[in-house]
Amino acid sequence: MHTHMGRLALAGRAVLDFLLPPTCLCCDESVAAPGLMCRNCFQRMTMISEPLCQCCGVPFTVPLQASQAGHCPDCEEAPRPFGRARAPFCYDAQSRPVILAFKYSDRPELARVLAPHMVRAGAAMLTDADWLIPVPLHRRRLMARGYNQAALLAQSVARLCGVPALPDALARSRPTAPLGGHDAVGRATILQGAITVRPQRFAAIAGKRVVLVDDVMTTGATVASCAAALWDADVASVDVLAAARVPSPALDPDGL
């Protein structure tokens, strides 16, 4: 019965692909399956690799920008409340349409496209992790959007790497204004006290090694707020894994 239903589903998908051929996420080029990028668009994606800040994961344009500890100026000046942050992609003109479609255009299936690259970028931290915990949405935004994109990423990463996800560990106790257009200080002020650990999850995460999961890391204010709440719950460590990282204008001479 299940085999028969599976064959019907495959046949239906084949008919749909014939009538409406799947196209690239970024252009109109045909691709093998929905939710993929064509080779040309994928090759234009800016992958983050060494040299990068060993703390916040921001890519360096030249290795000499790193301190003796391998940190960027921001991390050297003000230590972060997390150990390591990593992301596979720079958040730029090529990755932005994919991230925005995932976040705002009802494309939850894109979590499965981004997750394998996140697993690659976060391999070192995932090896030792006990929990994947997504950055939370306030319930009003969750109802309006229909899903928490960070939670979908955490669950997709969990399926690939075997580290369990705990989607409801954190909560936003109040709605916060959009963070776009604010610097790190402004974002931290907006988020102050807004993120907490759910009381019923204290026992599960105490003494555990946590990887926070988000879609985009900009200044790090959001994950810092989450990390502060997790430290209050006596976790053993906090790392951060995002799908994309905004390059720091202070480190990029082109200001991208």
Protein backbone atom coordinates (compact mmCIF):
# COMPACT_ATOMS: atom_id res chain seq x y z
CA MET A 1 0.00 0.00 0.00
CA HIS A 2 2.75 2.42 1.01
CA THR A 3 4.81 1.47 -2.04
CA HIS A 4 1.81 2.09 -4.30
CA MET A 5 1.18 5.51 -2.71
CA GLY A 6 4.85 6.39 -3.07
CA ARG A 7 4.77 5.55 -6.77
CA LEU A 8 1.67 7.69 -7.23
CA ALA A 9 3.39 10.61 -5.49
CA LEU A 10 6.44 10.27 -7.72
CA ALA A 11 4.24 10.09 -10.80
CA GLY A 12 2.34 13.16 -9.70
CA ARG A 13 5.58 15.05 -9.10
CA ALA A 14 6.86 14.05 -12.54
CA VAL A 15 3.68 15.38 -14.18
CA LEU A 16 3.92 18.63 -12.20
CA ASP A 17 7.59 19.07 -13.15
CA PHE A 18 6.67 18.47 -16.81
CA LEU A 19 3.90 21.09 -16.70
CA LEU A 20 5.78 23.53 -14.46
CA PRO A 21 9.51 22.77 -14.74
CA PRO A 22 11.41 23.76 -11.57
CA THR A 23 13.64 26.79 -11.93
CA CYS A 24 16.66 28.12 -10.07
CA LEU A 25 16.07 30.00 -6.81
CA CYS A 26 17.93 33.01 -8.20
CA CYS A 27 17.17 33.00 -11.94
CA ASP A 28 14.93 31.33 -14.52
CA GLU A 29 17.36 28.54 -15.41
CA SER A 30 15.88 25.03 -15.25
CA VAL A 31 17.10 22.78 -12.43
CA ALA A 32 16.63 19.10 -11.59
CA ALA A 33 14.32 19.63 -8.62
CA PRO A 34 12.47 22.45 -6.83
CA GLY A 35 14.47 24.41 -4.29
CA LEU A 36 17.84 24.17 -6.05
CA MET A 37 20.17 26.72 -7.59
CA CYS A 38 21.65 26.36 -11.04
CA ARG A 39 25.40 25.81 -11.29
CA ASN A 40 26.13 29.39 -12.39
CA CYS A 41 24.22 30.97 -9.49
CA PHE A 42 25.68 28.58 -6.94
CA GLN A 43 29.21 29.32 -8.13
CA ARG A 44 28.54 33.03 -7.58
CA MET A 45 27.57 32.45 -3.95
CA THR A 46 30.29 33.78 -1.67
CA MET A 47 31.38 30.89 0.52
CA ILE A 48 33.07 31.80 3.80
CA SER A 49 36.42 30.14 4.37
CA GLU A 50 39.74 30.92 6.05
CA PRO A 51 40.93 33.50 6.90
CA LEU A 52 38.09 34.41 9.25
CA CYS A 53 37.64 35.55 12.83
CA GLN A 54 38.03 32.50 15.05
CA CYS A 55 35.32 33.89 17.34
CA CYS A 56 32.51 35.59 15.37
CA GLY A 57 33.30 33.99 12.00
CA VAL A 58 33.42 37.21 9.99
CA PRO A 59 35.60 36.74 6.89
CA PHE A 60 38.86 38.68 6.62
CA THR A 61 40.00 40.23 3.38
CA VAL A 62 43.62 39.60 4.42
CA PRO A 63 45.01 37.44 7.27
CA LEU A 64 46.83 40.42 8.83
CA GLN A 65 43.47 41.79 10.02
CA ALA A 66 43.42 39.11 12.72
CA SER A 67 44.80 39.64 16.21
CA GLN A 68 47.33 37.23 17.68
CA ALA A 69 44.38 35.18 18.95
CA GLY A 70 42.83 35.14 15.45
CA HIS A 71 40.05 37.58 16.37
CA CYS A 72 38.62 40.55 14.49
CA PRO A 73 38.90 44.04 16.08
CA ASP A 74 35.31 43.90 17.38
CA CYS A 75 35.84 40.58 19.18
CA GLU A 76 39.23 41.72 20.47
CA GLU A 77 37.73 44.93 21.89
CA ALA A 78 34.62 43.37 23.44
CA PRO A 79 34.62 39.61 24.12
CA ARG A 80 31.52 37.80 22.84
CA PRO A 81 29.23 35.72 25.09
CA PHE A 82 29.71 32.71 22.80
CA GLY A 83 32.69 30.60 21.82
CA ARG A 84 32.53 30.34 18.02
CA ALA A 85 30.17 31.53 15.31
CA ARG A 86 30.20 30.08 11.81
CA ALA A 87 28.16 30.40 8.61
CA PRO A 88 28.66 28.92 5.13
CA PHE A 89 27.65 31.99 3.10
CA CYS A 90 28.30 35.71 3.10
CA TYR A 91 25.05 37.64 3.18
CA ASP A 92 25.45 39.55 -0.07
CA ALA A 93 23.68 40.28 -3.35
CA GLN A 94 23.71 36.62 -4.39
CA SER A 95 22.61 34.96 -1.13
CA ARG A 96 20.15 37.67 -0.08
CA PRO A 97 17.31 36.59 -2.43
CA VAL A 98 17.54 33.02 -1.13
CA ILE A 99 17.52 34.05 2.53
CA LEU A 100 14.71 36.57 2.05
CA ALA A 101 12.60 34.06 0.13
CA PHE A 102 13.08 31.56 2.95
CA LYS A 103 12.29 34.13 5.63
CA TYR A 104 9.43 36.15 4.16
CA SER A 105 8.04 34.42 1.06
CA ASP A 106 6.65 31.20 2.53
CA ARG A 107 9.51 28.99 1.30
CA PRO A 108 10.16 26.73 4.33
CA GLU A 109 11.58 24.01 2.07
CA LEU A 110 14.70 26.14 1.61
CA ALA A 111 15.84 25.02 5.07
CA ARG A 112 16.75 21.68 3.48
CA VAL A 113 18.81 23.48 0.82
CA LEU A 114 20.77 25.56 3.35
CA ALA A 115 21.25 22.89 6.03
CA PRO A 116 23.97 20.77 4.32
CA HIS A 117 26.16 23.85 3.89
CA MET A 118 25.61 24.80 7.53
CA VAL A 119 26.67 21.32 8.63
CA ARG A 120 29.89 21.72 6.64
CA ALA A 121 30.62 25.17 8.09
CA GLY A 122 29.83 24.11 11.66
CA ALA A 123 31.40 20.65 11.60
CA ALA A 124 33.84 21.34 14.46
CA MET A 125 31.21 22.68 16.86
CA LEU A 126 28.58 20.09 15.93
CA THR A 127 30.94 17.23 16.82
CA ASP A 128 30.76 18.16 20.51
CA ALA A 129 27.24 19.64 20.71
CA ASP A 130 24.42 18.30 22.88
CA TRP A 131 21.59 20.53 21.61
CA LEU A 132 20.70 22.69 18.61
CA ILE A 133 18.59 25.61 19.87
CA PRO A 134 17.03 28.09 17.40
CA VAL A 135 16.72 31.82 17.94
CA PRO A 136 13.05 32.32 18.90
CA LEU A 137 10.32 34.45 17.32
CA HIS A 138 7.70 36.26 19.32
CA ARG A 139 4.36 34.50 19.09
CA ARG A 140 2.79 37.37 17.10
CA ARG A 141 5.49 37.19 14.43
CA LEU A 142 5.32 33.40 14.45
CA MET A 143 1.56 33.50 13.82
CA ALA A 144 1.98 36.05 11.02
CA ARG A 145 4.80 34.15 9.29
CA GLY A 146 3.54 30.64 9.98
CA TYR A 147 6.94 29.21 10.93
CA ASN A 148 10.18 30.09 12.69
CA GLN A 149 12.87 29.94 10.02
CA ALA A 150 15.61 29.37 12.62
CA ALA A 151 13.70 26.39 14.02
CA LEU A 152 13.36 24.88 10.54
CA LEU A 153 17.10 25.26 10.02
CA ALA A 154 17.83 23.65 13.39
CA GLN A 155 15.59 20.69 12.60
CA SER A 156 17.10 20.25 9.12
CA VAL A 157 20.65 20.43 10.50
CA ALA A 158 19.67 17.96 13.25
CA ARG A 159 18.51 15.40 10.68
CA LEU A 160 21.86 15.60 8.91
CA CYS A 161 24.29 15.66 11.83
CA GLY A 162 22.46 13.70 14.53
CA VAL A 163 22.56 16.44 17.18
CA PRO A 164 18.99 16.83 18.52
CA ALA A 165 17.11 20.12 18.17
CA LEU A 166 15.20 21.73 21.02
CA PRO A 167 12.95 24.23 19.20
CA ASP A 168 11.13 25.58 22.26
CA ALA A 169 14.08 26.11 24.63
CA LEU A 170 14.08 29.90 24.19
CA ALA A 171 11.20 32.38 24.07
CA ARG A 172 10.78 36.06 23.25
CA SER A 173 8.96 37.44 26.26
CA ARG A 174 7.94 40.59 24.38
CA PRO A 175 7.81 41.73 20.77
CA THR A 176 10.83 43.68 19.56
CA ALA A 177 11.16 46.33 16.88
CA PRO A 178 12.88 45.34 13.60
CA LEU A 179 16.65 45.47 14.02
CA GLY A 180 17.49 46.62 10.48
CA GLY A 181 19.18 50.01 10.41
CA HIS A 182 20.47 49.78 13.99
CA ASP A 183 24.10 49.32 14.99
CA ALA A 184 25.26 46.76 17.53
CA VAL A 185 24.52 49.02 20.51
CA GLY A 186 21.04 49.86 19.22
CA ARG A 187 20.23 46.21 18.57
CA ALA A 188 21.43 45.19 22.02
CA THR A 189 19.24 47.88 23.59
CA ILE A 190 16.16 46.69 21.68
CA LEU A 191 16.78 43.07 22.68
CA GLN A 192 17.65 43.68 26.33
CA GLY A 193 15.66 41.26 28.47
CA ALA A 194 13.52 40.12 25.53
CA ILE A 195 14.81 36.53 25.30
CA THR A 196 14.49 33.99 28.09
CA VAL A 197 14.82 30.24 28.65
CA ARG A 198 11.49 28.49 29.14
CA PRO A 199 11.37 27.24 32.76
CA GLN A 200 10.44 23.70 31.69
CA ARG A 201 13.69 23.49 29.66
CA PHE A 202 16.17 24.48 32.37
CA ALA A 203 16.84 20.89 33.41
CA ALA A 204 17.33 19.70 29.82
CA ILE A 205 20.01 22.28 28.95
CA ALA A 206 21.86 22.75 32.25
CA GLY A 207 25.45 21.59 31.84
CA LYS A 208 24.99 20.96 28.10
CA ARG A 209 26.91 22.22 25.09
CA VAL A 210 24.55 24.32 22.99
CA VAL A 211 24.70 25.49 19.38
CA LEU A 212 22.42 28.45 18.67
CA VAL A 213 20.93 28.41 15.16
CA ASP A 214 19.79 31.44 13.15
CA ASP A 215 19.31 32.44 9.52
CA VAL A 216 21.54 35.54 9.35
CA MET A 217 24.12 36.87 11.78
CA THR A 218 24.72 40.61 11.46
CA THR A 219 26.28 42.31 14.49
CA GLY A 220 25.74 39.31 16.75
CA ALA A 221 23.37 41.19 19.08
CA THR A 222 20.53 38.67 18.72
CA VAL A 223 22.64 35.61 19.41
CA ALA A 224 24.37 37.46 22.25
CA SER A 225 20.99 38.04 23.88
CA CYS A 226 20.16 34.35 23.44
CA ALA A 227 23.55 33.34 24.81
CA ALA A 228 23.07 35.49 27.90
CA ALA A 229 19.79 33.72 28.63
CA LEU A 230 21.41 30.32 28.13
CA TRP A 231 24.30 31.15 30.47
CA ASP A 232 21.71 32.06 33.13
CA ALA A 233 20.42 28.50 32.70
CA ASP A 234 23.90 27.10 33.47
CA VAL A 235 24.78 25.66 30.06
CA ALA A 236 28.34 24.41 29.60
CA SER A 237 29.07 26.30 26.36
CA VAL A 238 27.39 28.29 23.59
CA ASP A 239 28.39 28.36 19.91
CA VAL A 240 26.49 29.87 16.98
CA LEU A 241 25.64 28.47 13.55
CA ALA A 242 23.92 30.66 10.93
CA ALA A 243 23.09 30.22 7.27
CA ALA A 244 24.71 33.52 6.30
CA ARG A 245 27.05 36.09 7.86
CA VAL A 246 27.00 39.81 7.11
CA PRO A 247 30.56 40.94 6.33
CA SER A 248 31.74 43.68 8.66
CA PRO A 249 32.08 47.08 6.93
CA ALA A 250 34.98 47.80 9.30
CA LEU A 251 36.92 44.90 7.78
CA ASP A 252 35.80 45.20 4.15
CA PRO A 253 37.39 48.14 2.27
CA ASP A 254 34.52 48.06 -0.24
CA GLY A 255 31.92 48.40 2.53
CA LEU A 256 29.89 45.43 1.24
